[in-house]
C-alpha atoms as a PDB file:
ATOM      1  CA  UNK A   1      -0.006   0.064   0.039  1.00  0.00           C
ATOM      2  CA  UNK A   2       2.845   2.252   0.809  1.00  0.00           C
ATOM      3  CA  UNK A   3       4.136   1.780  -2.759  1.00  0.00           C
ATOM      4  CA  UNK A   4       0.658   2.562  -4.477  1.00  0.00           C
ATOM      5  CA  UNK A   5       0.463   5.494  -2.594  1.00  0.00           C
ATOM      6  CA  UNK A   6       3.816   6.610  -3.220  1.00  0.00           C
ATOM      7  CA  UNK A   7       3.090   5.911  -6.724  1.00  0.00           C
ATOM      8  CA  UNK A   8       0.003   7.917  -6.712  1.00  0.00           C
ATOM      9  CA  UNK A   9       1.747  10.779  -5.366  1.00  0.00           C
ATOM     10  CA  UNK A  10       4.272  10.696  -8.114  1.00  0.00           C
ATOM     11  CA  UNK A  11       1.470  10.489 -10.673  1.00  0.00           C
ATOM     12  CA  UNK A  12      -0.090  13.836  -9.282  1.00  0.00           C
ATOM     13  CA  UNK A  13       3.200  15.400  -9.702  1.00  0.00           C
ATOM     14  CA  UNK A  14       3.505  14.516 -13.243  1.00  0.00           C
ATOM     15  CA  UNK A  15       0.019  15.570 -13.925  1.00  0.00           C
ATOM     16  CA  UNK A  16       0.790  18.978 -12.483  1.00  0.00           C
ATOM     17  CA  UNK A  17       3.944  19.322 -14.172  1.00  0.00           C
ATOM     18  CA  UNK A  18       2.241  18.293 -17.870  1.00  0.00           C
ATOM     19  CA  UNK A  19      -0.676  20.817 -17.024  1.00  0.00           C
ATOM     20  CA  UNK A  20       1.455  23.589 -16.169  1.00  0.00           C
ATOM     21  CA  UNK A  21       1.643  25.789 -19.262  1.00  0.00           C
ATOM     22  CA  UNK A  22       0.463  23.003 -21.431  1.00  0.00           C
ATOM     23  CA  UNK A  23      -2.567  22.537 -23.337  1.00  0.00           C
ATOM     24  CA  UNK A  24      -4.206  19.311 -21.856  1.00  0.00           C
ATOM     25  CA  UNK A  25      -7.483  17.154 -21.821  1.00  0.00           C
ATOM     26  CA  UNK A  26      -9.081  16.087 -18.300  1.00  0.00           C
ATOM     27  CA  UNK A  27      -8.590  12.252 -19.646  1.00  0.00           C
ATOM     28  CA  UNK A  28      -4.916  12.633 -20.273  1.00  0.00           C
ATOM     29  CA  UNK A  29      -4.361  14.491 -16.876  1.00  0.00           C
ATOM     30  CA  UNK A  30      -6.324  11.633 -15.202  1.00  0.00           C
ATOM     31  CA  UNK A  31      -4.292   8.797 -17.113  1.00  0.00           C
ATOM     32  CA  UNK A  32      -0.930  10.602 -16.089  1.00  0.00           C
ATOM     33  CA  UNK A  33      -1.997  10.515 -12.365  1.00  0.00           C
ATOM     34  CA  UNK A  34      -3.053   6.869 -12.594  1.00  0.00           C
ATOM     35  CA  UNK A  35      -0.829   5.138 -14.637  1.00  0.00           C
ATOM     36  CA  UNK A  36       2.249   5.083 -11.972  1.00  0.00           C
ATOM     37  CA  UNK A  37       0.087   3.260  -9.609  1.00  0.00           C
ATOM     38  CA  UNK A  38      -1.378   0.792 -12.124  1.00  0.00           C
ATOM     39  CA  UNK A  39       2.134   0.207 -13.393  1.00  0.00           C
ATOM     40  CA  UNK A  40       3.456  -0.407  -9.611  1.00  0.00           C
ATOM     41  CA  UNK A  41       0.642  -2.798  -8.954  1.00  0.00           C
ATOM     42  CA  UNK A  42       1.563  -4.924 -11.973  1.00  0.00           C
ATOM     43  CA  UNK A  43       5.179  -4.773 -11.232  1.00  0.00           C
ATOM     44  CA  UNK A  44       4.563  -6.036  -7.571  1.00  0.00           C
ATOM     45  CA  UNK A  45       2.292  -8.793  -8.855  1.00  0.00           C
ATOM     46  CA  UNK A  46       4.740 -10.278 -11.330  1.00  0.00           C
ATOM     47  CA  UNK A  47       7.946  -9.889  -9.219  1.00  0.00           C
ATOM     48  CA  UNK A  48       9.973 -13.098  -9.417  1.00  0.00           C
ATOM     49  CA  UNK A  49       7.117 -14.972 -11.027  1.00  0.00           C
ATOM     50  CA  UNK A  50       7.734 -15.865 -14.611  1.00  0.00           C
ATOM     51  CA  UNK A  51       4.164 -17.563 -15.055  1.00  0.00           C
ATOM     52  CA  UNK A  52       2.337 -14.279 -13.842  1.00  0.00           C
ATOM     53  CA  UNK A  53       4.816 -12.206 -15.943  1.00  0.00           C
ATOM     54  CA  UNK A  54       3.811 -13.973 -19.308  1.00  0.00           C
ATOM     55  CA  UNK A  55       0.158 -13.926 -18.110  1.00  0.00           C
ATOM     56  CA  UNK A  56       0.042 -10.357 -17.565  1.00  0.00           C
ATOM     57  CA  UNK A  57       1.905  -9.385 -21.048  1.00  0.00           C
ATOM     58  CA  UNK A  58      -0.728 -11.614 -22.771  1.00  0.00           C
ATOM     59  CA  UNK A  59      -3.472  -9.943 -20.881  1.00  0.00           C
ATOM     60  CA  UNK A  60      -2.129  -6.257 -22.025  1.00  0.00           C
ATOM     61  CA  UNK A  61      -1.667  -7.397 -25.558  1.00  0.00           C
ATOM     62  CA  UNK A  62      -5.506  -7.732 -25.797  1.00  0.00           C
ATOM     63  CA  UNK A  63      -5.968  -3.986 -24.838  1.00  0.00           C
ATOM     64  CA  UNK A  64      -6.259  -2.046 -28.139  1.00  0.00           C
ATOM     65  CA  UNK A  65      -5.911   1.862 -28.033  1.00  0.00           C
ATOM     66  CA  UNK A  66      -8.159   3.406 -30.303  1.00  0.00           C
ATOM     67  CA  UNK A  67      -7.355   7.129 -29.320  1.00  0.00           C
ATOM     68  CA  UNK A  68      -5.643   9.432 -31.679  1.00  0.00           C
ATOM     69  CA  UNK A  69      -1.823   9.282 -32.056  1.00  0.00           C
ATOM     70  CA  UNK A  70      -0.217  11.704 -29.235  1.00  0.00           C
ATOM     71  CA  UNK A  71       2.412  14.318 -29.682  1.00  0.00           C
ATOM     72  CA  UNK A  72       5.916  13.805 -28.793  1.00  0.00           C
ATOM     73  CA  UNK A  73       5.525  15.471 -25.510  1.00  0.00           C
ATOM     74  CA  UNK A  74       2.533  13.627 -24.594  1.00  0.00           C
ATOM     75  CA  UNK A  75       4.344  10.278 -25.466  1.00  0.00           C
ATOM     76  CA  UNK A  76       7.381  11.521 -23.370  1.00  0.00           C
ATOM     77  CA  UNK A  77       5.251  12.199 -20.386  1.00  0.00           C
ATOM     78  CA  UNK A  78       3.486   8.743 -20.618  1.00  0.00           C
ATOM     79  CA  UNK A  79       6.882   7.193 -20.349  1.00  0.00           C
ATOM     80  CA  UNK A  80       7.856   9.311 -17.481  1.00  0.00           C
ATOM     81  CA  UNK A  81       4.674   8.135 -15.702  1.00  0.00           C
ATOM     82  CA  UNK A  82       5.214   4.381 -16.673  1.00  0.00           C
ATOM     83  CA  UNK A  83       9.101   4.766 -15.247  1.00  0.00           C
ATOM     84  CA  UNK A  84       8.084   6.207 -12.106  1.00  0.00           C
ATOM     85  CA  UNK A  85       5.530   3.229 -11.756  1.00  0.00           C
ATOM     86  CA  UNK A  86       8.288   0.691 -12.491  1.00  0.00           C
ATOM     87  CA  UNK A  87      10.458   2.280  -9.862  1.00  0.00           C
ATOM     88  CA  UNK A  88       7.734   2.224  -6.992  1.00  0.00           C
ATOM     89  CA  UNK A  89       6.550  -1.253  -7.898  1.00  0.00           C
ATOM     90  CA  UNK A  90      10.146  -2.402  -7.335  1.00  0.00           C
ATOM     91  CA  UNK A  91       9.938  -1.049  -4.010  1.00  0.00           C
ATOM     92  CA  UNK A  92      12.791   1.985  -4.337  1.00  0.00           C
ATOM     93  CA  UNK A  93      10.530   4.743  -2.950  1.00  0.00           C
ATOM     94  CA  UNK A  94      13.011   7.399  -2.536  1.00  0.00           C
ATOM     95  CA  UNK A  95      14.706   6.979  -5.788  1.00  0.00           C
ATOM     96  CA  UNK A  96      11.193   7.027  -7.560  1.00  0.00           C
ATOM     97  CA  UNK A  97      10.711  10.432  -5.908  1.00  0.00           C
ATOM     98  CA  UNK A  98      14.041  11.879  -7.011  1.00  0.00           C
ATOM     99  CA  UNK A  99      13.290  10.600 -10.712  1.00  0.00           C
ATOM    100  CA  UNK A 100       9.938  11.993 -10.688  1.00  0.00           C
ATOM    101  CA  UNK A 101      10.628  15.474  -9.367  1.00  0.00           C
ATOM    102  CA  UNK A 102      13.908  15.825 -11.092  1.00  0.00           C
ATOM    103  CA  UNK A 103      12.481  15.017 -14.610  1.00  0.00           C
ATOM    104  CA  UNK A 104       9.116  16.984 -14.028  1.00  0.00           C
ATOM    105  CA  UNK A 105      11.337  20.144 -12.846  1.00  0.00           C
ATOM    106  CA  UNK A 106      13.163  19.998 -16.156  1.00  0.00           C
ATOM    107  CA  UNK A 107      10.165  19.584 -17.948  1.00  0.00           C
ATOM    108  CA  UNK A 108       8.684  22.537 -16.473  1.00  0.00           C
ATOM    109  CA  UNK A 109      11.742  24.581 -17.007  1.00  0.00           C
ATOM    110  CA  UNK A 110      11.843  23.888 -20.654  1.00  0.00           C
ATOM    111  CA  UNK A 111       8.304  25.013 -20.968  1.00  0.00           C
ATOM    112  CA  UNK A 112       9.026  28.306 -18.954  1.00  0.00           C
ATOM    113  CA  UNK A 113      12.104  29.179 -21.081  1.00  0.00           C
ATOM    114  CA  UNK A 114      10.138  28.576 -24.295  1.00  0.00           C
ATOM    115  CA  UNK A 115      12.896  26.433 -25.967  1.00  0.00           C
ATOM    116  CA  UNK A 116      12.346  25.919 -29.745  1.00  0.00           C
ATOM    117  CA  UNK A 117      10.106  28.976 -29.940  1.00  0.00           C
ATOM    118  CA  UNK A 118      12.897  31.404 -31.235  1.00  0.00           C
ATOM    119  CA  UNK A 119      12.899  33.541 -34.212  1.00  0.00           C
ATOM    120  CA  UNK A 120      12.696  30.792 -36.877  1.00  0.00           C
ATOM    121  CA  UNK A 121       9.249  29.543 -35.527  1.00  0.00           C
ATOM    122  CA  UNK A 122       7.939  33.157 -35.651  1.00  0.00           C
ATOM    123  CA  UNK A 123       8.745  33.113 -39.400  1.00  0.00           C
ATOM    124  CA  UNK A 124       7.150  29.553 -40.036  1.00  0.00           C
ATOM    125  CA  UNK A 125       3.725  30.082 -41.516  1.00  0.00           C
ATOM    126  CA  UNK A 126       0.901  28.365 -43.147  1.00  0.00           C
ATOM    127  CA  UNK A 127      -0.433  30.242 -46.058  1.00  0.00           C
ATOM    128  CA  UNK A 128      -3.493  29.253 -47.775  1.00  0.00           C
ATOM    129  CA  UNK A 129      -4.777  30.589 -51.157  1.00  0.00           C
ATOM    130  CA  UNK A 130      -8.136  30.224 -52.877  1.00  0.00           C
ATOM    131  CA  UNK A 131      -7.870  30.113 -56.731  1.00  0.00           C
ATOM    132  CA  UNK A 132     -11.048  29.906 -59.153  1.00  0.00           C
ATOM    133  CA  UNK A 133     -11.303  26.375 -61.103  1.00  0.00           C
ATOM    134  CA  UNK A 134     -10.469  27.847 -64.436  1.00  0.00           C
ATOM    135  CA  UNK A 135      -6.809  29.069 -62.966  1.00  0.00           C
ATOM    136  CA  UNK A 136      -3.823  26.528 -63.473  1.00  0.00           C
ATOM    137  CA  UNK A 137      -1.983  27.267 -60.946  1.00  0.00           C
ATOM    138  CA  UNK A 138       0.853  24.956 -61.307  1.00  0.00           C
ATOM    139  CA  UNK A 139       3.904  27.729 -61.364  1.00  0.00           C
ATOM    140  CA  UNK A 140       1.650  30.808 -60.742  1.00  0.00           C
ATOM    141  CA  UNK A 141       2.629  31.541 -57.186  1.00  0.00           C
ATOM    142  CA  UNK A 142       6.140  30.329 -56.924  1.00  0.00           C
ATOM    143  CA  UNK A 143       7.870  33.516 -58.253  1.00  0.00           C
ATOM    144  CA  UNK A 144       6.001  35.292 -55.421  1.00  0.00           C
ATOM    145  CA  UNK A 145       7.031  32.613 -52.896  1.00  0.00           C
ATOM    146  CA  UNK A 146      10.438  32.479 -54.100  1.00  0.00           C
ATOM    147  CA  UNK A 147      10.491  36.440 -53.582  1.00  0.00           C
ATOM    148  CA  UNK A 148       9.148  36.661 -49.867  1.00  0.00           C
ATOM    149  CA  UNK A 149      10.109  33.076 -48.343  1.00  0.00           C
ATOM    150  CA  UNK A 150      13.155  31.009 -47.686  1.00  0.00           C
ATOM    151  CA  UNK A 151      11.198  27.917 -48.198  1.00  0.00           C
ATOM    152  CA  UNK A 152       7.800  26.931 -49.229  1.00  0.00           C
ATOM    153  CA  UNK A 153       6.055  23.496 -49.767  1.00  0.00           C
ATOM    154  CA  UNK A 154       2.617  22.545 -50.858  1.00  0.00           C
ATOM    155  CA  UNK A 155       1.141  20.322 -48.622  1.00  0.00           C
ATOM    156  CA  UNK A 156      -2.540  20.079 -49.536  1.00  0.00           C
ATOM    157  CA  UNK A 157      -4.886  21.046 -52.503  1.00  0.00           C
ATOM    158  CA  UNK A 158      -8.461  20.684 -52.359  1.00  0.00           C
ATOM    159  CA  UNK A 159     -11.786  21.746 -53.935  1.00  0.00           C
ATOM    160  CA  UNK A 160     -14.006  24.163 -52.352  1.00  0.00           C
ATOM    161  CA  UNK A 161     -17.463  25.969 -52.636  1.00  0.00           C
ATOM    162  CA  UNK A 162     -18.893  23.003 -54.419  1.00  0.00           C
ATOM    163  CA  UNK A 163     -16.039  22.264 -56.724  1.00  0.00           C
ATOM    164  CA  UNK A 164     -16.071  25.704 -58.249  1.00  0.00           C
ATOM    165  CA  UNK A 165     -12.837  26.859 -56.465  1.00  0.00           C
ATOM    166  CA  UNK A 166      -9.330  25.052 -55.236  1.00  0.00           C
ATOM    167  CA  UNK A 167      -7.585  25.831 -52.003  1.00  0.00           C
ATOM    168  CA  UNK A 168      -3.985  25.418 -51.880  1.00  0.00           C
ATOM    169  CA  UNK A 169      -2.172  25.309 -48.620  1.00  0.00           C
ATOM    170  CA  UNK A 170       1.678  25.809 -48.027  1.00  0.00           C
ATOM    171  CA  UNK A 171       4.049  25.568 -45.288  1.00  0.00           C
ATOM    172  CA  UNK A 172       6.422  28.658 -45.650  1.00  0.00           C
ATOM    173  CA  UNK A 173       9.282  30.105 -43.915  1.00  0.00           C
ATOM    174  CA  UNK A 174       9.215  33.729 -44.436  1.00  0.00           C
ATOM    175  CA  UNK A 175      12.483  36.034 -45.138  1.00  0.00           C
ATOM    176  CA  UNK A 176      11.070  39.090 -43.496  1.00  0.00           C
ATOM    177  CA  UNK A 177       7.823  39.097 -41.119  1.00  0.00           C
ATOM    178  CA  UNK A 178       7.126  42.859 -42.016  1.00  0.00           C
ATOM    179  CA  UNK A 179       6.902  42.264 -45.673  1.00  0.00           C
ATOM    180  CA  UNK A 180       3.831  39.884 -44.984  1.00  0.00           C
ATOM    181  CA  UNK A 181       1.257  42.349 -46.436  1.00  0.00           C
ATOM    182  CA  UNK A 182       3.347  42.723 -49.681  1.00  0.00           C
ATOM    183  CA  UNK A 183       3.477  39.071 -49.985  1.00  0.00           C
ATOM    184  CA  UNK A 184      -0.569  38.765 -49.446  1.00  0.00           C
ATOM    185  CA  UNK A 185      -1.104  41.791 -52.278  1.00  0.00           C
ATOM    186  CA  UNK A 186       0.960  40.091 -54.771  1.00  0.00           C
ATOM    187  CA  UNK A 187      -0.709  36.654 -54.503  1.00  0.00           C
ATOM    188  CA  UNK A 188      -4.088  38.550 -54.739  1.00  0.00           C
ATOM    189  CA  UNK A 189      -3.083  39.807 -58.174  1.00  0.00           C
ATOM    190  CA  UNK A 190      -2.553  36.331 -59.285  1.00  0.00           C
ATOM    191  CA  UNK A 191      -5.692  34.713 -57.917  1.00  0.00           C
ATOM    192  CA  UNK A 192      -8.391  37.142 -58.632  1.00  0.00           C
ATOM    193  CA  UNK A 193      -8.396  38.827 -55.292  1.00  0.00           C
ATOM    194  CA  UNK A 194      -9.850  35.778 -53.676  1.00  0.00           C
ATOM    195  CA  UNK A 195      -9.467  34.800 -50.225  1.00  0.00           C
ATOM    196  CA  UNK A 196      -5.819  34.571 -49.012  1.00  0.00           C
ATOM    197  CA  UNK A 197      -4.789  33.582 -45.494  1.00  0.00           C
ATOM    198  CA  UNK A 198      -1.442  33.857 -43.680  1.00  0.00           C
ATOM    199  CA  UNK A 199      -1.346  32.121 -40.291  1.00  0.00           C
ATOM    200  CA  UNK A 200       0.716  30.362 -37.647  1.00  0.00           C
ATOM    201  CA  UNK A 201       2.462  27.183 -38.555  1.00  0.00           C
ATOM    202  CA  UNK A 202       0.781  24.129 -36.584  1.00  0.00           C
ATOM    203  CA  UNK A 203       2.330  20.807 -36.864  1.00  0.00           C
ATOM    204  CA  UNK A 204       0.042  18.011 -37.027  1.00  0.00           C
ATOM    205  CA  UNK A 205      -0.834  16.342 -33.489  1.00  0.00           C
ATOM    206  CA  UNK A 206       1.094  13.295 -34.168  1.00  0.00           C
ATOM    207  CA  UNK A 207       4.348  14.851 -35.570  1.00  0.00           C
ATOM    208  CA  UNK A 208       7.581  14.039 -33.960  1.00  0.00           C
END
């Protein structure tokens, strides 16, 4: 019981650390809080018993996770919670708290410092251009993008407005953020003054 209670305390610490300045869902926070205790119980049950270990592995293999793929940060915190559960399940209570508090502190410090959110991230944008269906858009916008961006990649083409228009999506890295309006104006000249949108770049949920 002492091991389980300590694992629950470590889970609450992990859940608090993840929710600090990070977007999170209630279900994921509850998972982080409970996972160390669950893992610690499993480790205590199979400790030294090969048959129980094989049976437990078979039981876990029947569980199929149907949730969406998580981000790299979520996967890291899940491994952190599982690691603390392993330590507490083996009875190393002091080591478990040192491990949990140290890694959660590092996680919170990295969130506070905003590492990886420097000037380059501010220049990374998502550009969406709407074009009429009678416009052959291949090569039309490349001269403008070459002029105003360091890199640009078309990531999506889809029809809109019941097929009367196309919507092009680019991931771009701007050369100069102050020239965003000039970029949009030159694109509007080429797409017949239809909708153009320049927004912050948002990676896919499962992107590592």
